[in-house]
Structures are given as structure tokens and as C-alpha cells.
Amino acid sequence: MKIALIAITRNGNALAAGISEGLPEHSVTVYSLAKYADGHQIPFESLRSLSCSVFGEYDALVYLCACGIAVRMIAPSIRSKFTDPAVIAVDEQGHFAVSLLSGHLGGANALAGKIAGVIGAVPVITTATDAGRRFSPDCFAAANRLHMVNPPAAKEVAASIVDGQSVGLRCGYAYINLPPQITPDGQRDTGICISADAAVSPFRTTLHLIPRNVIIGVGCRKNVDSEQFERFIMEKLNENGIPFFRVTALHTIDIKRNEPAIVAFCRKYQLPLRTFTAERLRTAEGSFEGSAFVLRNTGVDNVCERSAAMGGRIIVPKISGSGMTFAAAEQDIIIDFGRDADE
């Protein structure tokens, strides 16, 4: 998580330093009002100008000041809970860490709790599902890497749960820790459908959740054009009905780890690139389309299918074109209704 800590007092500076040290797993930048900056922070003159410039650049903004100040600073930039960053206000004495914006999807609730633990503060969470210790569809989706096809339906699911009603479930995957508010009953008016097929609507109001669990396996000739490579991948996904949001990683052989087109694609779309030795790829289970040419040049008869299979079950076998190859696999997953969003 990319976090900006914003301090406007000398006490705030000291508090920001402690918070930064307590969040080593995150990328933290500390901003300080210029007259209090001591060389360890990035100085700024106008809090309003800084707030506007960093709002879209960080996953989370943490203001070391009163809630009212933070609210006024972010107000002009707020658009949607599906795109806005997490925003937290911590009073300069470090008594409270208040989740202000994007509590569920943005992770503000979880981060407020984490910051509170670091500085010994009280986390303040006001979202209805959390306050009532009820199931939150937003947090559940984020924790299990599920894409919301129709976000407005999440409001109806949450509202039903807050009102004490149970909601139905249709799930195409194994699941555990089902909460009492969710029932595998197709007779409910409102429910959740977890499936790769967004057309399945078992309830009058159906919240469609699609797993992000597709691995792309690729191979390509040396110095293939980056734009051509990107078009090839996108075309093959589209032709096989795989929305890009389902893709969670790109796999290939280790000798291609620095191939410019592959590196550029992963960097552009912020995808993990995982590579495997030829020896490791030869251990992949399954039946693959072999190539004598690929075997001579890489030490393994098939790169794209075998590398994709290192992440799951092949759902799109090898497709070749213009010196590039593509395959896709689906990871086996277990939906955990008890998983925290920050796990």
C-alpha cells in the first residue's frame, strides 16, 4: 500500500515518524508543513494544494490533524468509494485513528486499526456493518480478490444484513467460514453469486462477484514489439471471454524475465511476473502441445502452457501468432468468508 502521512504541527511530525516506522510492509511518504519540516519529510506550504495533488497518487492519505480539517481538504476531490483512496485522521496527540473515507474497498478501516495498534490509539470505525459486527460485502470482496460486476447491488446486500435479514448465496467455488447472515438458499430476494459467469442471476437482486484468478502463460521471440505483444495478449483474452480484471499474474520461462515487451506489459498493468526454469517447467502436470523448435531454444517443449499450468488448470490451450504464444489457466481457490482484507 502506498501511503502519504500529512503532518501540520511539530507533534504531528513526531507521530508520523512513529507511524512510518510501524508500517514497514507499506511504502510510506511523510509530508510536513514547511515551517516544521526537519529534513526527514517532504515540505509543503499549502495543505489544500498538497491534498489535491496527492489524492489520486496514493492508496491512503493519513492526516495528523483534526477530522474537520481533513474533511475540508479532501472534499473537492471525493468521487466514489470505488476509486477514492482510504483517508484516515489521527489527532496530533495520537489518541484516535478515525476512518473517514473508503473504509471497506479502500482499506481505511483496516489501516486505521493497524495505525491505532502502532501508536496505542483507539480505532474509530463507523461503517454500519463493522459497528454491528456484521458481514460486509465490500470487505469480503476485497479480502478474497473478487471483482464486483454491479457495485450498487452491494448496498442492497449490506442494507439487508444491517436490517437483520439473511441473504442468499450461489457459489461456484469451495468456501469456508460462512457467516450466519449468509445462507446457500436460492429462494432469497437478495443474494450473492460468486461465479466466472456474470450472466448468472439466481436472485431478484444479485451481487455478482467474479474471482481474479486467471494466470496468463506467454512465450515470444526475442525483441518482439511491445505494442504488438500487448495487442496479442488483449485480443486472446477477449476472444476467449476473459475480462482483463480476472488476470492476476503473467508466467513465462526464466530466460524471458528481462524481455522488454513482457516487462513493459507487466509494468503497465501492474501484474506480477513469475518465471520458471526449463527444468521446473518440465515438471508441469498435463498434456501440452510440444514444439521441437522451442525445445531446442529453451530446453522445454512448450513455454506458455507449461508456465500457465504452474498456477492452475489450463482453460485456454496454446495459441500462436507472429512469434508469440498465449495460454491461460484458472487457479483453484477457496472463498473464505472470515478472511480479513489486509491478510
Protein backbone atom coordinates (compact mmCIF):
# COMPACT_ATOMS: atom_id res chain seq x y z
CA MET A 1 0.00 0.00 0.00
CA LYS A 2 1.30 3.45 -0.95
CA ILE A 3 0.59 5.77 1.99
CA ALA A 4 1.01 9.53 2.48
CA LEU A 5 1.31 10.80 6.07
CA ILE A 6 0.49 14.52 6.25
CA ALA A 7 1.53 16.50 9.35
CA ILE A 8 0.80 20.15 10.05
CA THR A 9 2.31 20.51 13.55
CA ARG A 10 5.55 19.61 15.33
CA ASN A 11 3.73 16.93 17.36
CA GLY A 12 2.25 15.62 14.13
CA ASN A 13 5.76 15.20 12.72
CA ALA A 14 6.83 13.06 15.66
CA LEU A 15 3.66 10.98 15.40
CA ALA A 16 4.15 10.50 11.66
CA ALA A 17 7.66 9.21 12.26
CA GLY A 18 6.35 6.59 14.67
CA ILE A 19 3.58 5.53 12.31
CA SER A 20 6.01 5.26 9.40
CA GLU A 21 8.36 3.02 11.39
CA GLY A 22 5.44 0.84 12.42
CA LEU A 23 4.31 0.16 8.85
CA PRO A 24 7.43 -1.41 7.27
CA GLU A 25 5.35 -3.52 4.89
CA HIS A 26 3.98 -0.39 3.18
CA SER A 27 5.53 2.37 1.08
CA VAL A 28 5.18 5.45 3.30
CA THR A 29 5.94 9.09 2.42
CA VAL A 30 5.79 11.79 5.11
CA TYR A 31 4.78 15.36 4.23
CA SER A 32 5.22 18.20 6.71
CA LEU A 33 4.21 21.84 6.80
CA ALA A 34 7.37 23.64 5.69
CA LYS A 35 8.00 25.55 8.91
CA TYR A 36 8.08 22.29 10.89
CA ALA A 37 9.96 20.11 8.38
CA ASP A 38 13.35 18.99 9.69
CA GLY A 39 14.80 17.32 6.60
CA HIS A 40 13.16 13.93 7.13
CA GLN A 41 9.90 14.92 5.44
CA ILE A 42 8.80 16.47 2.16
CA PRO A 43 7.90 20.10 2.98
CA PHE A 44 4.74 21.84 1.71
CA GLU A 45 3.30 25.33 2.04
CA SER A 46 -0.39 24.83 1.27
CA LEU A 47 -2.32 21.92 2.77
CA ARG A 48 -5.14 22.42 0.28
CA SER A 49 -2.81 22.31 -2.73
CA LEU A 50 -0.98 19.27 -1.37
CA SER A 51 -4.26 17.45 -0.72
CA CYS A 52 -5.43 18.00 -4.29
CA SER A 53 -2.14 16.80 -5.75
CA VAL A 54 -1.75 13.63 -3.67
CA PHE A 55 -5.40 12.50 -3.61
CA GLY A 56 -5.07 10.40 -6.75
CA GLU A 57 -1.45 9.40 -6.25
CA TYR A 58 -1.67 7.31 -3.07
CA ASP A 59 -3.69 4.34 -1.87
CA ALA A 60 -4.16 6.03 1.50
CA LEU A 61 -3.87 9.50 2.99
CA VAL A 62 -3.33 9.85 6.74
CA TYR A 63 -3.85 13.34 8.13
CA LEU A 64 -2.27 14.13 11.50
CA CYS A 65 -4.85 16.73 12.46
CA ALA A 66 -8.50 17.27 13.37
CA CYS A 67 -11.14 15.42 11.37
CA GLY A 68 -12.73 18.69 10.29
CA ILE A 69 -9.51 19.90 8.66
CA ALA A 70 -9.04 16.62 6.81
CA VAL A 71 -12.65 16.59 5.60
CA ARG A 72 -12.38 20.12 4.20
CA MET A 73 -9.13 19.27 2.42
CA ILE A 74 -10.42 16.15 0.66
CA ALA A 75 -13.97 17.37 -0.07
CA PRO A 76 -13.25 18.80 -3.57
CA SER A 77 -11.59 15.55 -4.69
CA ILE A 78 -14.10 12.95 -3.49
CA ARG A 79 -15.72 10.99 -6.34
CA SER A 80 -16.62 7.39 -5.48
CA LYS A 81 -15.88 4.75 -2.87
CA PHE A 82 -14.78 2.53 -5.75
CA THR A 83 -11.98 4.91 -6.79
CA ASP A 84 -11.21 7.22 -3.84
CA PRO A 85 -8.20 6.41 -1.63
CA ALA A 86 -8.51 5.46 2.01
CA VAL A 87 -8.47 8.57 4.22
CA ILE A 88 -7.73 8.49 7.95
CA ALA A 89 -7.46 11.28 10.51
CA VAL A 90 -5.24 10.88 13.57
CA ASP A 91 -5.34 13.62 16.20
CA GLU A 92 -1.94 15.13 16.88
CA GLN A 93 -1.83 13.64 20.37
CA GLY A 94 -2.33 10.15 18.96
CA HIS A 95 -5.47 9.30 20.93
CA PHE A 96 -7.71 8.29 17.99
CA ALA A 97 -7.30 6.91 14.44
CA VAL A 98 -10.51 7.72 12.58
CA SER A 99 -11.51 6.02 9.31
CA LEU A 100 -13.02 8.83 7.23
CA LEU A 101 -13.28 7.62 3.64
CA SER A 102 -13.24 4.35 1.67
CA GLY A 103 -13.42 2.26 4.82
CA HIS A 104 -14.10 -1.06 3.11
CA LEU A 105 -12.90 -1.12 -0.51
CA GLY A 106 -10.14 1.42 0.08
CA GLY A 107 -9.00 -0.29 3.26
CA ALA A 108 -9.33 2.71 5.59
CA ASN A 109 -10.95 0.65 8.35
CA ALA A 110 -8.17 -1.93 8.34
CA LEU A 111 -5.44 0.71 8.13
CA ALA A 112 -6.97 2.77 10.94
CA GLY A 113 -6.87 -0.34 13.11
CA LYS A 114 -3.27 -1.01 12.17
CA ILE A 115 -2.17 2.57 12.88
CA ALA A 116 -4.01 2.50 16.20
CA GLY A 117 -2.05 -0.61 17.13
CA VAL A 118 1.24 1.06 16.23
CA ILE A 119 0.72 4.21 18.33
CA GLY A 120 -1.59 2.88 21.05
CA ALA A 121 -4.63 4.80 19.83
CA VAL A 122 -8.33 3.91 19.69
CA PRO A 123 -9.50 2.99 16.17
CA VAL A 124 -12.77 4.73 15.28
CA ILE A 125 -14.83 2.77 12.71
CA THR A 126 -18.36 3.97 11.95
CA THR A 127 -19.48 1.87 8.97
CA ALA A 128 -22.72 0.10 9.88
CA THR A 129 -21.61 -3.46 9.17
CA ASP A 130 -18.45 -3.03 11.24
CA ALA A 131 -20.16 -1.21 14.09
CA GLY A 132 -22.72 -4.00 14.29
CA ARG A 133 -20.10 -6.72 13.72
CA ARG A 134 -21.94 -7.89 10.61
CA PHE A 135 -20.79 -9.24 7.26
CA SER A 136 -19.58 -6.54 4.85
CA PRO A 137 -19.78 -7.39 1.12
CA ASP A 138 -17.17 -4.73 0.30
CA CYS A 139 -14.59 -6.09 2.75
CA PHE A 140 -15.39 -9.67 1.78
CA ALA A 141 -14.85 -8.96 -1.92
CA ALA A 142 -11.58 -7.12 -1.29
CA ALA A 143 -10.25 -9.84 1.03
CA ASN A 144 -10.97 -12.61 -1.47
CA ARG A 145 -9.87 -10.72 -4.60
CA LEU A 146 -13.37 -10.73 -6.07
CA HIS A 147 -14.40 -8.18 -8.69
CA MET A 148 -17.80 -6.52 -8.20
CA VAL A 149 -19.60 -6.53 -11.51
CA ASN A 150 -22.53 -4.43 -10.23
CA PRO A 151 -21.36 -2.43 -7.17
CA PRO A 152 -24.78 -0.84 -6.41
CA ALA A 153 -26.09 -4.31 -5.51
CA ALA A 154 -23.58 -4.40 -2.63
CA LYS A 155 -25.58 -1.62 -0.96
CA GLU A 156 -28.74 -3.73 -1.03
CA VAL A 157 -26.89 -6.75 0.35
CA ALA A 158 -25.39 -4.66 3.15
CA ALA A 159 -28.74 -2.98 3.88
CA SER A 160 -30.49 -6.34 4.18
CA ILE A 161 -27.85 -7.57 6.61
CA VAL A 162 -27.96 -4.39 8.71
CA ASP A 163 -31.75 -4.79 8.88
CA GLY A 164 -31.28 -8.27 10.32
CA GLN A 165 -32.25 -10.20 7.18
CA SER A 166 -30.23 -13.06 5.73
CA VAL A 167 -29.11 -13.04 2.10
CA GLY A 168 -28.68 -15.95 -0.29
CA LEU A 169 -25.52 -17.42 -1.80
CA ARG A 170 -24.73 -19.15 -5.08
CA CYS A 171 -21.04 -20.04 -5.25
CA GLY A 172 -19.19 -21.98 -7.93
CA TYR A 173 -16.14 -22.47 -5.71
CA ALA A 174 -15.38 -24.15 -2.41
CA TYR A 175 -15.99 -21.88 0.57
CA ILE A 176 -15.46 -21.82 4.32
CA ASN A 177 -16.49 -19.79 7.40
CA LEU A 178 -19.95 -18.89 6.12
CA PRO A 179 -21.43 -16.25 8.48
CA PRO A 180 -24.96 -16.64 9.87
CA GLN A 181 -26.24 -13.76 7.73
CA ILE A 182 -25.46 -15.70 4.51
CA THR A 183 -27.37 -18.83 3.52
CA PRO A 184 -26.90 -21.12 0.48
CA ASP A 185 -30.57 -20.65 -0.35
CA GLY A 186 -31.78 -19.69 -3.82
CA GLN A 187 -35.19 -18.56 -2.51
CA ARG A 188 -33.97 -15.24 -1.07
CA ASP A 189 -34.82 -11.96 -2.84
CA THR A 190 -31.29 -10.65 -2.34
CA GLY A 191 -28.11 -12.65 -2.63
CA ILE A 192 -24.51 -13.05 -3.70
CA CYS A 193 -23.38 -15.00 -6.75
CA ILE A 194 -19.69 -15.92 -6.99
CA SER A 195 -19.03 -17.20 -10.48
CA ALA A 196 -16.91 -16.57 -13.58
CA ASP A 197 -20.21 -16.08 -15.45
CA ALA A 198 -21.72 -12.66 -14.77
CA ALA A 199 -24.93 -13.68 -16.57
CA VAL A 200 -25.99 -15.99 -13.73
CA SER A 201 -28.67 -14.18 -11.67
CA PRO A 202 -30.25 -16.53 -9.11
CA PHE A 203 -31.77 -13.72 -7.03
CA ARG A 204 -34.04 -10.76 -7.74
CA THR A 205 -31.15 -8.57 -6.61
CA THR A 206 -27.88 -10.39 -7.30
CA LEU A 207 -24.45 -9.08 -6.33
CA HIS A 208 -22.17 -10.60 -8.96
CA LEU A 209 -18.62 -11.32 -7.76
CA ILE A 210 -16.02 -12.70 -10.19
CA PRO A 211 -12.69 -14.10 -8.93
CA ARG A 212 -9.41 -12.60 -10.02
CA ASN A 213 -7.79 -15.99 -10.53
CA VAL A 214 -6.56 -16.29 -14.12
CA ILE A 215 -2.88 -16.81 -14.92
CA ILE A 216 -1.54 -15.89 -18.36
CA GLY A 217 1.31 -18.01 -19.72
CA VAL A 218 3.33 -16.46 -22.55
CA GLY A 219 6.26 -17.05 -24.85
CA CYS A 220 7.70 -14.81 -27.55
CA ARG A 221 10.59 -14.30 -29.92
CA LYS A 222 13.44 -12.04 -28.84
CA ASN A 223 12.76 -8.28 -29.02
CA VAL A 224 9.15 -8.61 -30.11
CA ASP A 225 7.46 -5.20 -30.43
CA SER A 226 5.86 -4.17 -27.13
CA GLU A 227 2.68 -2.78 -28.67
CA GLN A 228 2.28 -5.87 -30.84
CA PHE A 229 2.73 -8.08 -27.77
CA GLU A 230 0.13 -6.11 -25.80
CA ARG A 231 -2.40 -6.31 -28.65
CA PHE A 232 -1.82 -10.05 -28.95
CA ILE A 233 -2.48 -10.66 -25.26
CA MET A 234 -5.57 -8.45 -25.15
CA GLU A 235 -7.01 -9.99 -28.31
CA LYS A 236 -6.59 -13.53 -26.99
CA LEU A 237 -8.22 -12.64 -23.68
CA ASN A 238 -11.14 -11.01 -25.49
CA GLU A 239 -11.54 -13.88 -27.96
CA ASN A 240 -11.81 -16.32 -25.06
CA GLY A 241 -14.22 -14.25 -23.00
CA ILE A 242 -11.76 -13.47 -20.19
CA PRO A 243 -12.10 -9.92 -18.84
CA PHE A 244 -8.74 -8.41 -18.02
CA PHE A 245 -9.67 -7.77 -14.39
CA ARG A 246 -9.59 -11.56 -13.85
CA VAL A 247 -5.86 -11.72 -14.65
CA THR A 248 -3.72 -11.95 -11.53
CA ALA A 249 -0.22 -12.71 -12.90
CA LEU A 250 1.85 -13.43 -16.00
CA HIS A 251 4.08 -16.52 -16.20
CA THR A 252 6.92 -17.41 -18.55
CA ILE A 253 10.33 -19.09 -18.69
CA ASP A 254 13.24 -17.55 -16.75
CA ILE A 255 15.26 -16.69 -19.89
CA LYS A 256 12.48 -14.23 -20.75
CA ARG A 257 12.47 -12.43 -17.40
CA ASN A 258 14.09 -9.34 -18.97
CA GLU A 259 12.30 -9.45 -22.34
CA PRO A 260 11.34 -5.77 -22.90
CA ALA A 261 7.80 -6.43 -24.20
CA ILE A 262 6.95 -8.73 -21.28
CA VAL A 263 8.46 -6.41 -18.69
CA ALA A 264 6.68 -3.38 -20.19
CA PHE A 265 3.33 -5.18 -20.21
CA CYS A 266 3.60 -6.23 -16.58
CA ARG A 267 4.75 -2.78 -15.51
CA LYS A 268 1.94 -1.02 -17.40
CA TYR A 269 -0.77 -3.22 -15.90
CA GLN A 270 0.93 -3.75 -12.53
CA LEU A 271 0.96 -7.53 -12.90
CA PRO A 272 3.41 -9.80 -11.07
CA LEU A 273 5.83 -11.52 -13.47
CA ARG A 274 6.75 -15.03 -12.37
CA THR A 275 9.36 -17.05 -14.22
CA PHE A 276 10.39 -20.69 -14.09
CA THR A 277 13.44 -22.64 -15.22
CA ALA A 278 13.12 -25.11 -18.08
CA GLU A 279 13.71 -27.90 -15.58
CA ARG A 280 10.84 -26.67 -13.42
CA LEU A 281 8.51 -26.27 -16.41
CA ARG A 282 9.15 -29.86 -17.45
CA THR A 283 7.52 -30.95 -14.17
CA ALA A 284 4.21 -29.26 -15.01
CA GLU A 285 1.34 -31.74 -15.00
CA GLY A 286 -0.85 -32.11 -18.07
CA SER A 287 -0.81 -32.74 -21.80
CA PHE A 288 0.88 -29.96 -23.76
CA GLU A 289 1.41 -29.15 -27.43
CA GLY A 290 5.14 -29.66 -27.95
CA SER A 291 7.46 -27.82 -30.35
CA ALA A 292 10.88 -29.11 -31.40
CA PHE A 293 11.96 -25.53 -32.19
CA VAL A 294 11.01 -24.27 -28.72
CA LEU A 295 12.71 -27.29 -27.16
CA ARG A 296 15.98 -26.54 -28.97
CA ASN A 297 15.93 -22.89 -27.95
CA THR A 298 14.62 -23.07 -24.39
CA GLY A 299 15.19 -26.60 -23.14
CA VAL A 300 11.45 -27.27 -22.78
CA ASP A 301 8.91 -28.18 -25.49
CA ASN A 302 6.23 -25.66 -24.51
CA VAL A 303 6.56 -22.42 -22.57
CA CYS A 304 3.14 -20.75 -22.48
CA GLU A 305 1.01 -23.74 -21.46
CA ARG A 306 3.51 -25.17 -19.02
CA SER A 307 4.13 -21.82 -17.33
CA ALA A 308 0.39 -21.12 -17.08
CA ALA A 309 -0.14 -24.61 -15.63
CA MET A 310 2.27 -23.75 -12.82
CA GLY A 311 -0.55 -21.58 -11.48
CA GLY A 312 -3.65 -23.65 -12.15
CA ARG A 313 -5.80 -25.62 -14.57
CA ILE A 314 -5.49 -24.79 -18.28
CA ILE A 315 -8.65 -23.14 -19.59
CA VAL A 316 -7.19 -21.75 -22.85
CA PRO A 317 -4.62 -24.01 -24.55
CA LYS A 318 -1.71 -22.71 -26.59
CA ILE A 319 -2.45 -20.05 -29.20
CA SER A 320 0.37 -18.94 -31.52
CA GLY A 321 0.79 -15.90 -33.73
CA SER A 322 3.59 -13.72 -35.13
CA GLY A 323 6.27 -15.23 -32.92
CA MET A 324 4.19 -15.08 -29.73
CA THR A 325 2.29 -17.71 -27.75
CA PHE A 326 -0.52 -17.45 -25.22
CA ALA A 327 -2.24 -19.79 -22.78
CA ALA A 328 -4.42 -19.24 -19.72
CA ALA A 329 -5.06 -21.17 -16.53
CA GLU A 330 -7.54 -20.77 -13.69
CA GLN A 331 -6.28 -21.01 -10.12
CA ASP A 332 -8.11 -23.23 -7.68
CA ILE A 333 -9.42 -21.02 -4.88
CA ILE A 334 -11.27 -21.34 -1.62
CA ILE A 335 -13.59 -18.47 -0.76
CA ASP A 336 -13.05 -17.57 2.90
CA PHE A 337 -15.86 -15.53 4.44
CA GLY A 338 -13.73 -14.99 7.52
CA ARG A 339 -10.66 -13.57 5.78
CA ASP A 340 -9.58 -10.02 6.67
CA ALA A 341 -9.00 -7.50 3.90
CA ASP A 342 -5.37 -6.94 4.95
CA GLU A 343 -4.37 -10.63 5.02
